[in-house]
Amino acid sequence: MTKSILEAQPVGMLRVGLRLPIWLYRLGLGWLLDDRFLMLTHIGRNSGKPRRTVVEVVKHDPKSNDYYVVSGWGNKADWYRNIHKHPDVIIHAGWRTLHAHAVDIPFDEAVAILDEYTRLHPMAFKELTRIFLNEQLQPGPEVTRRLIAMMPMVVFRPHD
């Protein structure tokens, strides 16, 4: 059985493919991704320079404009490590640009949110487990708990 991609940082064509959506935002076409994705502008923990990444939105609360995301590469992801040093970020979602503060979501709350995502997007969930875990899993509470244990959840809360 081959290893999961979680065991290493993305390199080569995978890294290029993951960075392509950034160009949609830079070209003013981020609205094509609607609220399913957002571009995160964060500050590098070592360089102090602005960095950008596009992440999938697990949940968006339209009333508060909170955006919940999961770190696909766990606590090894550069953006995840960066927001823990510099939690004030800029998010670009659809047509909106918001200044926000990153906050970790407690485990049980994250499980409930991801469980809701799996009910709304079962095919995407199966494909993501195939990519990240090298197993195509059926949605369910046990699998959701397993994923959140490996992939922490963060909420981006806009400043008032």
N, C-alpha and C. Protein backbone atom coordinates (compact mmCIF):
# COMPACT_ATOMS: atom_id res chain seq x y z
N MET A 1 0.85 -1.18 0.00
CA MET A 1 0.00 0.00 0.00
C MET A 1 0.89 1.24 0.00
N THR A 2 0.58 2.22 -0.83
CA THR A 2 1.37 3.43 -0.90
C THR A 2 1.06 4.33 0.28
N LYS A 3 1.97 5.24 0.54
CA LYS A 3 1.82 6.16 1.67
C LYS A 3 0.81 7.25 1.36
N SER A 4 0.24 7.79 2.40
CA SER A 4 -0.67 8.92 2.30
C SER A 4 0.15 10.17 1.97
N ILE A 5 -0.46 11.12 1.25
CA ILE A 5 0.26 12.36 0.95
C ILE A 5 0.44 13.22 2.19
N LEU A 6 -0.24 12.88 3.27
CA LEU A 6 -0.08 13.63 4.52
C LEU A 6 1.30 13.46 5.12
N GLU A 7 2.00 12.43 4.70
CA GLU A 7 3.29 12.11 5.30
C GLU A 7 4.43 13.00 4.79
N ALA A 8 4.16 13.87 3.83
CA ALA A 8 5.19 14.77 3.30
C ALA A 8 4.53 16.05 2.80
N GLN A 9 5.29 17.12 2.73
CA GLN A 9 4.80 18.37 2.17
C GLN A 9 4.59 18.18 0.67
N PRO A 10 3.62 18.88 0.07
CA PRO A 10 3.40 18.75 -1.37
C PRO A 10 4.60 19.26 -2.16
N VAL A 11 4.99 18.51 -3.16
CA VAL A 11 6.12 18.89 -4.02
C VAL A 11 5.74 18.65 -5.47
N GLY A 12 6.57 19.16 -6.38
CA GLY A 12 6.40 18.91 -7.80
C GLY A 12 5.08 19.38 -8.36
N MET A 13 4.48 18.53 -9.19
CA MET A 13 3.24 18.88 -9.87
C MET A 13 2.08 19.04 -8.89
N LEU A 14 2.09 18.28 -7.78
CA LEU A 14 1.04 18.45 -6.78
C LEU A 14 1.08 19.86 -6.21
N ARG A 15 2.26 20.34 -5.90
CA ARG A 15 2.40 21.70 -5.36
C ARG A 15 1.94 22.73 -6.39
N VAL A 16 2.33 22.55 -7.64
CA VAL A 16 1.91 23.46 -8.71
C VAL A 16 0.38 23.47 -8.81
N GLY A 17 -0.22 22.28 -8.83
CA GLY A 17 -1.67 22.18 -8.93
C GLY A 17 -2.39 22.82 -7.77
N LEU A 18 -1.85 22.67 -6.58
CA LEU A 18 -2.47 23.27 -5.40
C LEU A 18 -2.35 24.78 -5.39
N ARG A 19 -1.36 25.32 -6.09
CA ARG A 19 -1.15 26.76 -6.11
C ARG A 19 -1.88 27.45 -7.27
N LEU A 20 -2.38 26.70 -8.23
CA LEU A 20 -3.07 27.30 -9.38
C LEU A 20 -4.27 28.18 -9.00
N PRO A 21 -5.09 27.80 -8.00
CA PRO A 21 -6.23 28.66 -7.66
C PRO A 21 -5.81 30.06 -7.19
N ILE A 22 -4.60 30.21 -6.70
CA ILE A 22 -4.13 31.54 -6.29
C ILE A 22 -4.20 32.50 -7.48
N TRP A 23 -3.88 31.97 -8.67
CA TRP A 23 -3.91 32.82 -9.87
C TRP A 23 -5.32 33.27 -10.21
N LEU A 24 -6.31 32.44 -9.92
CA LEU A 24 -7.70 32.88 -10.13
C LEU A 24 -7.99 34.12 -9.30
N TYR A 25 -7.57 34.10 -8.05
CA TYR A 25 -7.78 35.26 -7.19
C TYR A 25 -6.98 36.47 -7.68
N ARG A 26 -5.74 36.25 -8.06
CA ARG A 26 -4.90 37.36 -8.52
C ARG A 26 -5.44 37.99 -9.80
N LEU A 27 -6.14 37.19 -10.60
CA LEU A 27 -6.74 37.69 -11.84
C LEU A 27 -8.14 38.24 -11.62
N GLY A 28 -8.58 38.29 -10.36
CA GLY A 28 -9.91 38.81 -10.05
C GLY A 28 -11.03 37.82 -10.32
N LEU A 29 -10.68 36.53 -10.43
CA LEU A 29 -11.67 35.51 -10.75
C LEU A 29 -11.97 34.59 -9.57
N GLY A 30 -11.62 35.01 -8.37
CA GLY A 30 -11.87 34.20 -7.19
C GLY A 30 -13.33 33.90 -6.98
N TRP A 31 -14.20 34.76 -7.48
CA TRP A 31 -15.64 34.54 -7.35
C TRP A 31 -16.09 33.24 -8.00
N LEU A 32 -15.30 32.72 -8.96
CA LEU A 32 -15.64 31.45 -9.60
C LEU A 32 -15.63 30.30 -8.59
N LEU A 33 -14.85 30.45 -7.54
CA LEU A 33 -14.76 29.41 -6.51
C LEU A 33 -15.81 29.58 -5.43
N ASP A 34 -16.55 30.68 -5.49
CA ASP A 34 -17.65 30.98 -4.57
C ASP A 34 -17.17 30.86 -3.13
N ASP A 35 -18.02 30.34 -2.25
CA ASP A 35 -17.67 30.19 -0.84
C ASP A 35 -17.09 28.82 -0.52
N ARG A 36 -16.84 28.00 -1.52
CA ARG A 36 -16.26 26.66 -1.27
C ARG A 36 -14.77 26.74 -1.01
N PHE A 37 -14.13 27.81 -1.44
CA PHE A 37 -12.70 28.00 -1.24
C PHE A 37 -12.45 29.44 -0.83
N LEU A 38 -11.32 29.68 -0.21
CA LEU A 38 -10.90 31.05 0.06
C LEU A 38 -9.40 31.13 -0.11
N MET A 39 -8.95 32.34 -0.45
CA MET A 39 -7.51 32.57 -0.49
C MET A 39 -7.15 33.25 0.82
N LEU A 40 -6.17 32.70 1.47
CA LEU A 40 -5.69 33.18 2.74
C LEU A 40 -4.37 33.91 2.53
N THR A 41 -4.32 35.16 2.97
CA THR A 41 -3.05 35.90 2.98
C THR A 41 -2.60 35.96 4.43
N HIS A 42 -1.44 35.40 4.69
CA HIS A 42 -0.92 35.30 6.05
C HIS A 42 0.54 35.73 6.04
N ILE A 43 1.11 35.91 7.21
CA ILE A 43 2.50 36.37 7.33
C ILE A 43 3.40 35.17 7.66
N GLY A 44 4.49 35.04 6.91
CA GLY A 44 5.44 33.95 7.15
C GLY A 44 6.05 34.05 8.54
N ARG A 45 6.09 32.95 9.24
CA ARG A 45 6.59 32.95 10.62
C ARG A 45 8.07 33.26 10.70
N ASN A 46 8.84 32.94 9.68
CA ASN A 46 10.28 33.21 9.68
C ASN A 46 10.64 34.43 8.84
N SER A 47 10.00 34.53 7.66
CA SER A 47 10.36 35.60 6.74
C SER A 47 9.69 36.93 7.08
N GLY A 48 8.50 36.87 7.70
CA GLY A 48 7.74 38.09 7.95
C GLY A 48 7.08 38.64 6.70
N LYS A 49 7.15 37.90 5.60
CA LYS A 49 6.57 38.34 4.33
C LYS A 49 5.17 37.78 4.13
N PRO A 50 4.33 38.48 3.37
CA PRO A 50 3.01 37.95 3.07
C PRO A 50 3.11 36.66 2.25
N ARG A 51 2.28 35.70 2.60
CA ARG A 51 2.20 34.42 1.88
C ARG A 51 0.74 34.17 1.55
N ARG A 52 0.49 33.40 0.50
CA ARG A 52 -0.89 33.12 0.09
C ARG A 52 -1.07 31.63 -0.14
N THR A 53 -2.24 31.18 0.22
CA THR A 53 -2.63 29.81 -0.07
C THR A 53 -4.15 29.77 -0.23
N VAL A 54 -4.62 28.81 -1.00
CA VAL A 54 -6.06 28.62 -1.16
C VAL A 54 -6.44 27.35 -0.40
N VAL A 55 -7.49 27.46 0.40
CA VAL A 55 -7.96 26.32 1.20
C VAL A 55 -9.45 26.13 0.98
N GLU A 56 -9.89 24.88 1.14
CA GLU A 56 -11.32 24.59 1.01
C GLU A 56 -12.04 25.00 2.29
N VAL A 57 -13.20 25.59 2.12
CA VAL A 57 -14.03 26.00 3.25
C VAL A 57 -14.92 24.82 3.63
N VAL A 58 -14.85 24.45 4.90
CA VAL A 58 -15.68 23.36 5.41
C VAL A 58 -17.06 23.91 5.79
N LYS A 59 -17.07 25.13 6.31
CA LYS A 59 -18.33 25.77 6.69
C LYS A 59 -18.16 27.28 6.62
N HIS A 60 -19.21 27.95 6.15
CA HIS A 60 -19.25 29.41 6.16
C HIS A 60 -20.53 29.82 6.86
N ASP A 61 -20.40 30.66 7.87
CA ASP A 61 -21.57 31.20 8.56
C ASP A 61 -21.85 32.57 7.95
N PRO A 62 -22.90 32.68 7.11
CA PRO A 62 -23.15 33.94 6.42
C PRO A 62 -23.51 35.09 7.35
N LYS A 63 -24.06 34.78 8.52
CA LYS A 63 -24.44 35.82 9.46
C LYS A 63 -23.20 36.51 10.08
N SER A 64 -22.24 35.71 10.51
CA SER A 64 -21.03 36.27 11.15
C SER A 64 -19.88 36.42 10.16
N ASN A 65 -19.98 35.78 8.98
CA ASN A 65 -18.90 35.70 8.00
C ASN A 65 -17.70 34.91 8.50
N ASP A 66 -17.92 34.02 9.47
CA ASP A 66 -16.87 33.12 9.93
C ASP A 66 -16.65 32.04 8.87
N TYR A 67 -15.39 31.72 8.61
CA TYR A 67 -15.02 30.68 7.66
C TYR A 67 -14.22 29.61 8.39
N TYR A 68 -14.68 28.37 8.28
CA TYR A 68 -14.04 27.23 8.94
C TYR A 68 -13.28 26.43 7.89
N VAL A 69 -12.02 26.11 8.19
CA VAL A 69 -11.20 25.32 7.28
C VAL A 69 -10.44 24.26 8.07
N VAL A 70 -10.03 23.22 7.36
CA VAL A 70 -9.24 22.15 7.95
C VAL A 70 -7.86 22.19 7.31
N SER A 71 -6.83 21.97 8.11
CA SER A 71 -5.48 21.94 7.58
C SER A 71 -5.19 20.55 7.01
N GLY A 72 -5.23 20.44 5.68
CA GLY A 72 -5.05 19.16 5.01
C GLY A 72 -3.73 18.47 5.31
N TRP A 73 -2.70 19.22 5.62
CA TRP A 73 -1.41 18.64 5.97
C TRP A 73 -1.17 18.74 7.47
N GLY A 74 -2.27 18.78 8.22
CA GLY A 74 -2.15 18.79 9.68
C GLY A 74 -1.40 19.98 10.19
N ASN A 75 -0.73 19.80 11.31
CA ASN A 75 0.01 20.91 11.91
C ASN A 75 1.35 21.14 11.22
N LYS A 76 1.63 20.40 10.14
CA LYS A 76 2.86 20.61 9.36
C LYS A 76 2.69 21.65 8.27
N ALA A 77 1.45 21.97 7.93
CA ALA A 77 1.19 22.92 6.84
C ALA A 77 1.79 24.28 7.17
N ASP A 78 2.48 24.85 6.22
CA ASP A 78 3.12 26.16 6.44
C ASP A 78 2.11 27.22 6.86
N TRP A 79 0.97 27.29 6.16
CA TRP A 79 -0.01 28.33 6.51
C TRP A 79 -0.50 28.14 7.94
N TYR A 80 -0.68 26.90 8.35
CA TYR A 80 -1.17 26.61 9.70
C TYR A 80 -0.14 27.03 10.75
N ARG A 81 1.10 26.74 10.47
CA ARG A 81 2.18 27.15 11.40
C ARG A 81 2.32 28.67 11.42
N ASN A 82 2.14 29.29 10.26
CA ASN A 82 2.26 30.75 10.19
C ASN A 82 1.16 31.46 10.98
N ILE A 83 -0.07 30.99 10.88
CA ILE A 83 -1.17 31.68 11.57
C ILE A 83 -1.07 31.53 13.09
N HIS A 84 -0.30 30.55 13.55
CA HIS A 84 -0.11 30.43 15.00
C HIS A 84 0.90 31.45 15.52
N LYS A 85 1.73 31.94 14.65
CA LYS A 85 2.63 33.03 15.05
C LYS A 85 2.00 34.38 14.78
N HIS A 86 1.28 34.49 13.66
CA HIS A 86 0.63 35.74 13.25
C HIS A 86 -0.84 35.41 12.91
N PRO A 87 -1.74 35.42 13.91
CA PRO A 87 -3.12 35.00 13.66
C PRO A 87 -3.99 36.00 12.90
N ASP A 88 -3.54 37.23 12.73
CA ASP A 88 -4.33 38.19 11.94
C ASP A 88 -4.01 38.00 10.47
N VAL A 89 -5.07 37.76 9.69
CA VAL A 89 -4.92 37.37 8.28
C VAL A 89 -5.90 38.17 7.43
N ILE A 90 -5.77 38.00 6.13
CA ILE A 90 -6.75 38.54 5.18
C ILE A 90 -7.31 37.34 4.42
N ILE A 91 -8.64 37.28 4.32
CA ILE A 91 -9.25 36.21 3.54
C ILE A 91 -9.99 36.82 2.36
N HIS A 92 -9.89 36.13 1.23
CA HIS A 92 -10.58 36.52 0.00
C HIS A 92 -11.51 35.36 -0.33
N ALA A 93 -12.81 35.61 -0.25
CA ALA A 93 -13.80 34.56 -0.53
C ALA A 93 -14.86 35.15 -1.46
N GLY A 94 -15.05 34.49 -2.59
CA GLY A 94 -15.99 35.04 -3.57
C GLY A 94 -15.56 36.45 -3.96
N TRP A 95 -16.45 37.41 -3.76
CA TRP A 95 -16.15 38.82 -4.07
C TRP A 95 -15.61 39.55 -2.85
N ARG A 96 -15.61 38.92 -1.69
CA ARG A 96 -15.27 39.60 -0.44
C ARG A 96 -13.80 39.50 -0.09
N THR A 97 -13.30 40.57 0.53
CA THR A 97 -11.98 40.58 1.16
C THR A 97 -12.21 41.02 2.60
N LEU A 98 -11.78 40.19 3.54
CA LEU A 98 -12.02 40.45 4.95
C LEU A 98 -10.74 40.33 5.76
N HIS A 99 -10.56 41.22 6.71
CA HIS A 99 -9.48 41.09 7.69
C HIS A 99 -10.03 40.24 8.81
N ALA A 100 -9.29 39.19 9.20
CA ALA A 100 -9.83 38.23 10.15
C ALA A 100 -8.75 37.79 11.14
N HIS A 101 -9.21 37.10 12.16
CA HIS A 101 -8.35 36.54 13.19
C HIS A 101 -8.55 35.03 13.20
N ALA A 102 -7.46 34.27 13.18
CA ALA A 102 -7.53 32.81 13.15
C ALA A 102 -7.60 32.26 14.57
N VAL A 103 -8.52 31.30 14.76
CA VAL A 103 -8.72 30.67 16.06
C VAL A 103 -8.86 29.17 15.85
N ASP A 104 -8.14 28.38 16.64
CA ASP A 104 -8.30 26.92 16.58
C ASP A 104 -9.66 26.52 17.14
N ILE A 105 -10.26 25.52 16.53
CA ILE A 105 -11.56 25.00 16.97
C ILE A 105 -11.30 23.78 17.86
N PRO A 106 -11.95 23.72 19.03
CA PRO A 106 -11.79 22.54 19.89
C PRO A 106 -12.23 21.26 19.17
N PHE A 107 -11.61 20.16 19.54
CA PHE A 107 -11.79 18.87 18.87
C PHE A 107 -13.25 18.50 18.66
N ASP A 108 -14.05 18.46 19.72
CA ASP A 108 -15.44 18.00 19.59
C ASP A 108 -16.27 18.91 18.69
N GLU A 109 -16.04 20.20 18.77
CA GLU A 109 -16.75 21.14 17.90
C GLU A 109 -16.33 20.94 16.44
N ALA A 110 -15.04 20.71 16.23
CA ALA A 110 -14.53 20.46 14.88
C ALA A 110 -15.12 19.18 14.29
N VAL A 111 -15.25 18.15 15.11
CA VAL A 111 -15.85 16.89 14.65
C VAL A 111 -17.29 17.14 14.20
N ALA A 112 -18.05 17.89 14.98
CA ALA A 112 -19.45 18.18 14.62
C ALA A 112 -19.53 18.96 13.31
N ILE A 113 -18.65 19.93 13.12
CA ILE A 113 -18.66 20.74 11.89
C ILE A 113 -18.27 19.89 10.69
N LEU A 114 -17.23 19.07 10.82
CA LEU A 114 -16.81 18.22 9.70
C LEU A 114 -17.86 17.15 9.40
N ASP A 115 -18.54 16.67 10.43
CA ASP A 115 -19.60 15.69 10.22
C ASP A 115 -20.72 16.30 9.38
N GLU A 116 -21.05 17.57 9.64
CA GLU A 116 -22.05 18.28 8.83
C GLU A 116 -21.58 18.40 7.38
N TYR A 117 -20.29 18.73 7.19
CA TYR A 117 -19.71 18.82 5.85
C TYR A 117 -19.85 17.49 5.11
N THR A 118 -19.59 16.38 5.80
CA THR A 118 -19.66 15.08 5.14
C THR A 118 -21.07 14.75 4.69
N ARG A 119 -22.07 15.22 5.44
CA ARG A 119 -23.46 15.00 5.03
C ARG A 119 -23.81 15.85 3.81
N LEU A 120 -23.28 17.06 3.75
CA LEU A 120 -23.58 17.96 2.63
C LEU A 120 -22.80 17.62 1.37
N HIS A 121 -21.59 17.09 1.53
CA HIS A 121 -20.69 16.83 0.40
C HIS A 121 -20.08 15.43 0.48
N PRO A 122 -20.89 14.37 0.44
CA PRO A 122 -20.36 13.01 0.63
C PRO A 122 -19.36 12.59 -0.44
N MET A 123 -19.58 12.99 -1.69
CA MET A 123 -18.65 12.60 -2.75
C MET A 123 -17.30 13.29 -2.57
N ALA A 124 -17.33 14.58 -2.24
CA ALA A 124 -16.07 15.30 -1.99
C ALA A 124 -15.33 14.68 -0.81
N PHE A 125 -16.08 14.31 0.23
CA PHE A 125 -15.47 13.70 1.41
C PHE A 125 -14.77 12.38 1.03
N LYS A 126 -15.44 11.55 0.25
CA LYS A 126 -14.84 10.27 -0.17
C LYS A 126 -13.55 10.50 -0.97
N GLU A 127 -13.61 11.49 -1.87
CA GLU A 127 -12.43 11.78 -2.69
C GLU A 127 -11.28 12.34 -1.85
N LEU A 128 -11.62 13.20 -0.89
CA LEU A 128 -10.57 13.76 -0.03
C LEU A 128 -9.93 12.68 0.83
N THR A 129 -10.72 11.73 1.33
CA THR A 129 -10.10 10.65 2.12
C THR A 129 -9.22 9.78 1.23
N ARG A 130 -9.62 9.61 -0.02
CA ARG A 130 -8.78 8.84 -0.94
C ARG A 130 -7.45 9.54 -1.17
N ILE A 131 -7.50 10.86 -1.35
CA ILE A 131 -6.28 11.63 -1.60
C ILE A 131 -5.40 11.69 -0.35
N PHE A 132 -6.01 12.08 0.76
CA PHE A 132 -5.22 12.33 1.97
C PHE A 132 -4.87 11.08 2.76
N LEU A 133 -5.73 10.08 2.76
CA LEU A 133 -5.49 8.88 3.57
C LEU A 133 -5.15 7.65 2.74
N ASN A 134 -5.25 7.78 1.42
CA ASN A 134 -5.03 6.67 0.51
C ASN A 134 -6.07 5.55 0.72
N GLU A 135 -7.25 5.96 1.21
CA GLU A 135 -8.38 5.05 1.40
C GLU A 135 -9.64 5.84 1.08
N GLN A 136 -10.54 5.27 0.31
CA GLN A 136 -11.80 5.96 0.05
C GLN A 136 -12.79 5.50 1.11
N LEU A 137 -13.07 6.38 2.07
CA LEU A 137 -13.88 6.03 3.23
C LEU A 137 -15.29 6.59 3.13
N GLN A 138 -16.21 5.87 3.74
CA GLN A 138 -17.59 6.33 3.81
C GLN A 138 -17.71 7.33 4.96
N PRO A 139 -18.52 8.37 4.79
CA PRO A 139 -18.72 9.32 5.88
C PRO A 139 -19.28 8.62 7.12
N GLY A 140 -18.87 9.09 8.27
CA GLY A 140 -19.37 8.55 9.54
C GLY A 140 -18.60 9.15 10.69
N PRO A 141 -19.16 9.11 11.88
CA PRO A 141 -18.54 9.76 13.04
C PRO A 141 -17.13 9.24 13.37
N GLU A 142 -16.91 7.95 13.20
CA GLU A 142 -15.59 7.39 13.51
C GLU A 142 -14.52 7.94 12.56
N VAL A 143 -14.85 8.00 11.28
CA VAL A 143 -13.92 8.52 10.28
C VAL A 143 -13.69 10.02 10.50
N THR A 144 -14.77 10.74 10.82
CA THR A 144 -14.66 12.18 11.07
C THR A 144 -13.71 12.44 12.24
N ARG A 145 -13.85 11.68 13.31
CA ARG A 145 -12.97 11.85 14.48
C ARG A 145 -11.51 11.55 14.09
N ARG A 146 -11.32 10.54 13.28
CA ARG A 146 -9.96 10.17 12.83
C ARG A 146 -9.32 11.32 12.03
N LEU A 147 -10.12 11.91 11.14
CA LEU A 147 -9.60 13.00 10.32
C LEU A 147 -9.26 14.23 11.17
N ILE A 148 -10.15 14.62 12.07
CA ILE A 148 -9.90 15.81 12.89
C ILE A 148 -8.70 15.59 13.80
N ALA A 149 -8.45 14.37 14.21
CA ALA A 149 -7.27 14.08 15.02
C ALA A 149 -5.99 14.36 14.24
N MET A 150 -6.05 14.20 12.90
CA MET A 150 -4.88 14.43 12.05
C MET A 150 -4.85 15.81 11.43
N MET A 151 -6.04 16.39 11.21
CA MET A 151 -6.17 17.64 10.47
C MET A 151 -6.93 18.66 11.31
N PRO A 152 -6.23 19.52 12.02
CA PRO A 152 -6.92 20.49 12.89
C PRO A 152 -7.77 21.48 12.10
N MET A 153 -8.81 21.98 12.77
CA MET A 153 -9.72 22.94 12.16
C MET A 153 -9.49 24.33 12.75
N VAL A 154 -9.62 25.31 11.89
CA VAL A 154 -9.43 26.72 12.25
C VAL A 154 -10.64 27.50 11.76
N VAL A 155 -11.02 28.53 12.51
CA VAL A 155 -12.04 29.45 12.04
C VAL A 155 -11.36 30.80 11.83
N PHE A 156 -11.72 31.46 10.74
CA PHE A 156 -11.28 32.83 10.48
C PHE A 156 -12.46 33.73 10.80
N ARG A 157 -12.30 34.53 11.84
CA ARG A 157 -13.37 35.42 12.30
C ARG A 157 -13.03 36.85 11.89
N PRO A 158 -13.87 37.46 11.05
CA PRO A 158 -13.60 38.82 10.62
C PRO A 158 -13.58 39.81 11.79
N HIS A 159 -12.70 40.79 11.67
CA HIS A 159 -12.67 41.88 12.66
C HIS A 159 -13.93 42.72 12.48
N ASP A 160 -14.42 43.27 13.56
CA ASP A 160 -15.60 44.14 13.48
C ASP A 160 -15.30 45.42 12.74
